[in-house]
Protein backbone atom coordinates (compact mmCIF):
# COMPACT_ATOMS: atom_id res chain seq x y z
CA MET A 1 123.45 100.85 117.03
CA THR A 2 119.93 102.11 117.39
CA TYR A 3 117.16 101.77 114.82
CA PRO A 4 114.48 104.36 114.16
CA PRO A 5 111.00 103.37 115.38
CA GLN A 6 108.95 101.47 112.84
CA PRO A 7 105.38 102.55 112.03
CA PRO A 8 102.68 100.10 113.13
CA GLU A 9 101.31 97.71 110.56
CA SER A 10 98.21 98.85 108.80
CA ASN A 11 94.93 97.10 109.50
CA PRO A 12 92.67 96.54 106.44
CA TYR A 13 89.49 96.93 108.47
CA GLY A 14 90.40 99.94 110.56
CA ALA A 15 90.69 97.96 113.80
CA ALA A 16 93.21 98.96 116.44
CA PRO A 17 96.32 96.73 116.39
CA GLY A 18 97.13 94.48 119.29
CA GLY A 19 93.54 93.62 120.17
CA GLY A 20 92.54 97.19 121.11
CA PRO A 21 89.00 98.53 120.92
CA GLY A 22 87.35 97.66 117.64
CA GLY A 23 89.86 94.96 116.68
CA PRO A 24 90.17 91.21 117.23
CA PRO A 25 92.30 90.00 120.14
CA PRO A 26 95.94 89.16 119.40
CA TYR A 27 96.72 85.67 118.20
CA HIS A 28 99.09 83.73 120.51
CA GLY A 29 99.45 80.49 118.58
CA GLY A 30 97.43 77.33 118.42
CA ALA A 31 94.40 77.01 116.15
CA PRO A 32 93.40 80.12 114.16
CA GLN A 33 90.64 82.25 115.61
CA GLY A 34 87.23 80.68 115.02
CA GLN A 35 88.68 77.40 113.75
CA GLY A 36 87.34 74.36 115.52
CA ASP A 37 84.16 76.16 116.58
CA PHE A 38 81.36 75.03 114.29
CA ALA A 39 79.08 77.96 115.12
CA ALA A 40 81.84 80.51 114.46
CA GLU A 41 83.09 78.82 111.29
CA TRP A 42 79.62 78.67 109.73
CA GLY A 43 78.66 82.19 110.74
CA ILE A 44 76.06 81.31 113.36
CA LYS A 45 77.91 83.36 115.94
CA GLU A 46 80.55 86.05 115.63
CA ASN A 47 83.88 85.00 114.19
CA PRO A 48 86.79 87.29 115.23
CA SER A 49 88.53 86.71 111.90
CA ARG A 50 85.70 88.37 109.96
CA PRO A 51 84.44 91.98 110.06
CA ARG A 52 81.43 92.65 112.26
CA LYS A 53 79.07 93.33 109.36
CA VAL A 54 80.04 90.11 107.60
CA ASN A 55 79.23 88.22 110.80
CA GLN A 56 75.87 89.99 110.97
CA LEU A 57 75.17 89.04 107.34
CA THR A 58 75.71 85.33 107.93
CA GLN A 59 73.72 85.46 111.18
CA LEU A 60 70.75 86.97 109.34
CA LEU A 61 70.84 84.08 106.87
CA TRP A 62 70.71 81.63 109.77
CA VAL A 63 67.78 83.55 111.23
CA TYR A 64 65.97 83.04 107.93
CA ALA A 65 66.73 79.31 108.00
CA ALA A 66 65.56 79.03 111.62
CA ALA A 67 62.28 80.72 110.72
CA THR A 68 61.63 78.11 108.03
CA VAL A 69 62.20 75.34 110.58
CA LEU A 70 59.67 76.94 112.91
CA VAL A 71 57.14 77.15 110.09
CA PHE A 72 57.63 73.44 109.41
CA LEU A 73 57.12 72.53 113.08
CA PHE A 74 53.99 74.67 113.32
CA SER A 75 52.65 73.06 110.13
CA LEU A 76 52.94 69.63 111.75
CA ILE A 77 51.03 70.85 114.80
CA ALA A 78 48.40 72.49 112.60
CA SER A 79 47.90 69.33 110.54
CA ALA A 80 47.53 67.25 113.72
CA THR A 81 44.99 69.58 115.35
CA ALA A 82 43.02 70.69 112.27
CA PRO A 83 39.42 69.49 111.80
CA TRP A 84 38.98 66.31 109.82
CA TRP A 85 37.41 68.16 106.92
CA TYR A 86 40.26 70.62 106.60
CA GLY A 87 42.84 69.62 103.99
CA THR A 88 46.28 69.94 105.53
CA GLY A 89 48.32 68.70 102.57
CA PHE A 90 48.81 72.23 101.26
CA ILE A 91 50.09 73.41 104.64
CA VAL A 92 52.60 70.60 105.09
CA GLY A 93 53.68 70.68 101.46
CA GLY A 94 54.29 74.40 101.61
CA ALA A 95 56.28 73.99 104.83
CA VAL A 96 58.44 71.27 103.26
CA PHE A 97 59.14 73.54 100.31
CA GLY A 98 60.00 76.28 102.80
CA MET A 99 62.59 73.98 104.33
CA ILE A 100 64.21 73.65 100.90
CA VAL A 101 64.31 77.44 100.63
CA GLY A 102 65.81 77.57 104.12
CA ALA A 103 68.54 75.22 102.92
CA LEU A 104 69.26 77.80 100.21
CA ALA A 105 69.86 80.40 102.93
CA VAL A 106 72.33 78.01 104.58
CA ALA A 107 74.03 77.50 101.20
CA VAL A 108 74.46 81.27 100.79
CA ALA A 109 76.03 81.44 104.25
CA TYR A 110 78.31 78.55 103.28
CA PHE A 111 79.60 80.35 100.17
CA ILE A 112 80.34 83.43 102.28
CA THR A 113 82.10 81.68 105.15
CA ARG A 114 84.07 79.35 102.88
CA ASP A 115 85.05 82.07 100.36
CA LYS A 116 83.47 80.18 97.46
CA LEU A 117 81.66 83.03 95.68
CA GLY A 118 84.22 82.92 92.88
CA ALA A 119 82.65 79.66 91.70
CA PHE A 120 79.88 81.69 90.04
CA GLY A 121 82.37 83.54 87.84
CA ALA A 122 81.05 87.04 88.60
CA ALA A 123 83.49 89.96 88.58
CA ASP A 124 81.79 91.30 91.72
CA PRO A 125 81.31 88.62 94.41
CA ARG A 126 78.22 90.46 95.62
CA THR A 127 76.30 89.70 92.40
CA PRO A 128 75.41 86.08 93.33
CA LEU A 129 74.50 87.34 96.81
CA TYR A 130 72.03 89.83 95.36
CA ILE A 131 70.44 87.06 93.30
CA GLY A 132 70.28 84.62 96.21
CA LEU A 133 68.82 87.18 98.59
CA GLY A 134 66.24 88.18 95.99
CA VAL A 135 65.11 84.56 95.63
CA LEU A 136 64.87 84.18 99.42
CA GLY A 137 62.86 87.38 99.73
CA PHE A 138 60.44 86.31 97.00
CA PHE A 139 59.67 82.96 98.61
CA ALA A 140 59.31 84.60 102.03
CA LEU A 141 56.12 86.20 100.71
CA GLY A 142 54.49 82.76 100.69
CA GLY A 143 54.06 82.94 104.45
CA PHE A 144 51.25 85.46 104.01
CA VAL A 145 49.01 83.18 101.93
CA GLY A 146 49.01 79.87 103.80
CA GLY A 147 46.78 78.44 106.49
CA TRP A 148 44.00 81.05 106.49
CA GLY A 149 41.53 78.42 107.59
CA LEU A 150 43.46 78.08 110.85
CA GLY A 151 43.63 81.43 112.59
CA TRP A 152 46.59 80.82 114.88
CA TYR A 153 48.68 79.17 112.18
CA ALA A 154 47.99 81.99 109.72
CA ALA A 155 48.99 84.58 112.32
CA LEU A 156 52.23 82.78 113.19
CA GLY A 157 53.01 82.22 109.52
CA ALA A 158 52.56 85.93 108.80
CA LEU A 159 54.80 86.92 111.72
CA LEU A 160 57.54 84.54 110.63
CA ALA A 161 57.22 85.80 107.06
CA LEU A 162 57.74 89.34 108.35
CA ALA A 163 60.81 88.14 110.26
CA LYS A 164 62.24 86.54 107.11
CA LEU A 165 61.58 89.64 105.02
CA GLY A 166 63.20 91.80 107.69
CA ALA A 167 66.26 89.54 107.69
CA ILE A 168 66.55 89.72 103.91
CA GLY A 169 66.13 93.50 103.90
CA ALA A 170 68.88 93.89 106.50
CA ALA A 171 71.09 91.46 104.55
CA PHE A 172 70.70 93.56 101.39
CA TYR A 173 71.76 96.61 103.37
CA LEU A 174 74.84 94.86 104.75
CA VAL A 175 75.94 93.54 101.36
CA MET A 176 76.01 97.10 100.03
CA GLN A 177 78.28 98.32 102.83
CA PRO A 178 81.91 99.15 101.87
CA GLU A 179 83.26 97.04 104.73
CA VAL A 180 81.53 93.92 103.40
CA GLU A 181 82.49 94.70 99.80
CA GLN A 182 86.17 95.12 100.68
CA TYR A 183 86.23 91.92 102.71
CA LEU A 184 84.56 89.81 100.00
CA LYS A 185 86.86 91.16 97.29
CA SER A 186 89.95 90.61 99.45
CA ARG A 187 89.34 86.85 99.60
CA PRO A 188 90.94 85.08 96.61
CA GLY A 189 88.29 82.37 96.55
CA ASN A 190 85.55 84.94 95.93
CA MET A 191 87.07 86.21 92.69
CA PRO A 192 86.82 84.38 89.34
CA LYS A 193 89.85 82.44 88.22
CA PRO A 194 91.85 84.09 85.42
CA PRO A 195 91.86 82.22 82.11
CA GLN A 196 94.76 79.85 81.66
CA GLN A 197 97.44 80.84 79.17
CA GLY A 198 98.95 77.97 77.23
CA PRO A 199 98.60 74.26 78.00
CA PRO A 200 97.67 73.23 81.53
CA PRO A 201 100.42 72.15 83.94
CA GLY A 202 101.72 68.65 83.24
CA TYR A 203 100.63 68.72 79.60
CA PRO A 204 103.49 67.37 77.43
CA GLN A 205 105.08 69.97 75.18
CA GLN A 206 105.08 69.07 71.48
CA PRO A 207 108.49 69.45 69.83
CA PRO A 208 108.62 71.87 66.91
CA PRO A 209 108.35 70.24 63.47
CA PRO A 210 111.58 69.81 61.49
CA PRO A 211 112.29 72.45 58.85
CA GLN A 212 110.87 71.68 55.43
CA THR A 213 113.36 71.22 52.58
CA PRO A 214 112.37 73.11 49.42
CA PRO A 215 111.70 70.87 46.37
CA GLY A 216 114.85 70.17 44.33
CA HIS A 217 117.15 71.35 47.06
CA PRO A 218 119.64 68.66 48.14
CA ASN A 219 119.65 67.64 51.75
CA MET A 220 122.76 68.55 53.67
């Protein structure tokens, strides 16, 4: 007996099946694609299990975090080479605060790669991303106002601030893309949990109360 040919399985991201152009390579067993590779799991480099624009989004967040690390290193050099009369506490303090903001960029990448955006309870998983990117863009403006007494440090700080603003602008663009929206909404962990109906699992059920006997009515 012969069977009619079956249509190929649909691909949610428009990639060609079987590892063709535009799609991930076929999986032949073993660990899932990207698993076991720290850089791929955390979005530092491309992960075949995620769409290309989602990979670009997480990479831009890591670019932002790397820029804050560079600012911190340059602040240490500036404080060590500055004249004795030049107060360097503001430079170093601002760079340390920038490292905290850089950690926020890493946290945003974590929520994307681990499908944890549903923890914020938003109906659209992109809402917390818009808020986080807005905060990162606001604090990136601080790179234009620090270290003006040291010409080279001010110039480097302004260039790195431009790099961070460019990364945030590109990240905003990627978040608004349909490919990213569909991927984020397709992950169960990015959606809020539905409210529980009834007692939680394992909660003992209370037996119904016995029927009440009307006054003056004899008990059977």
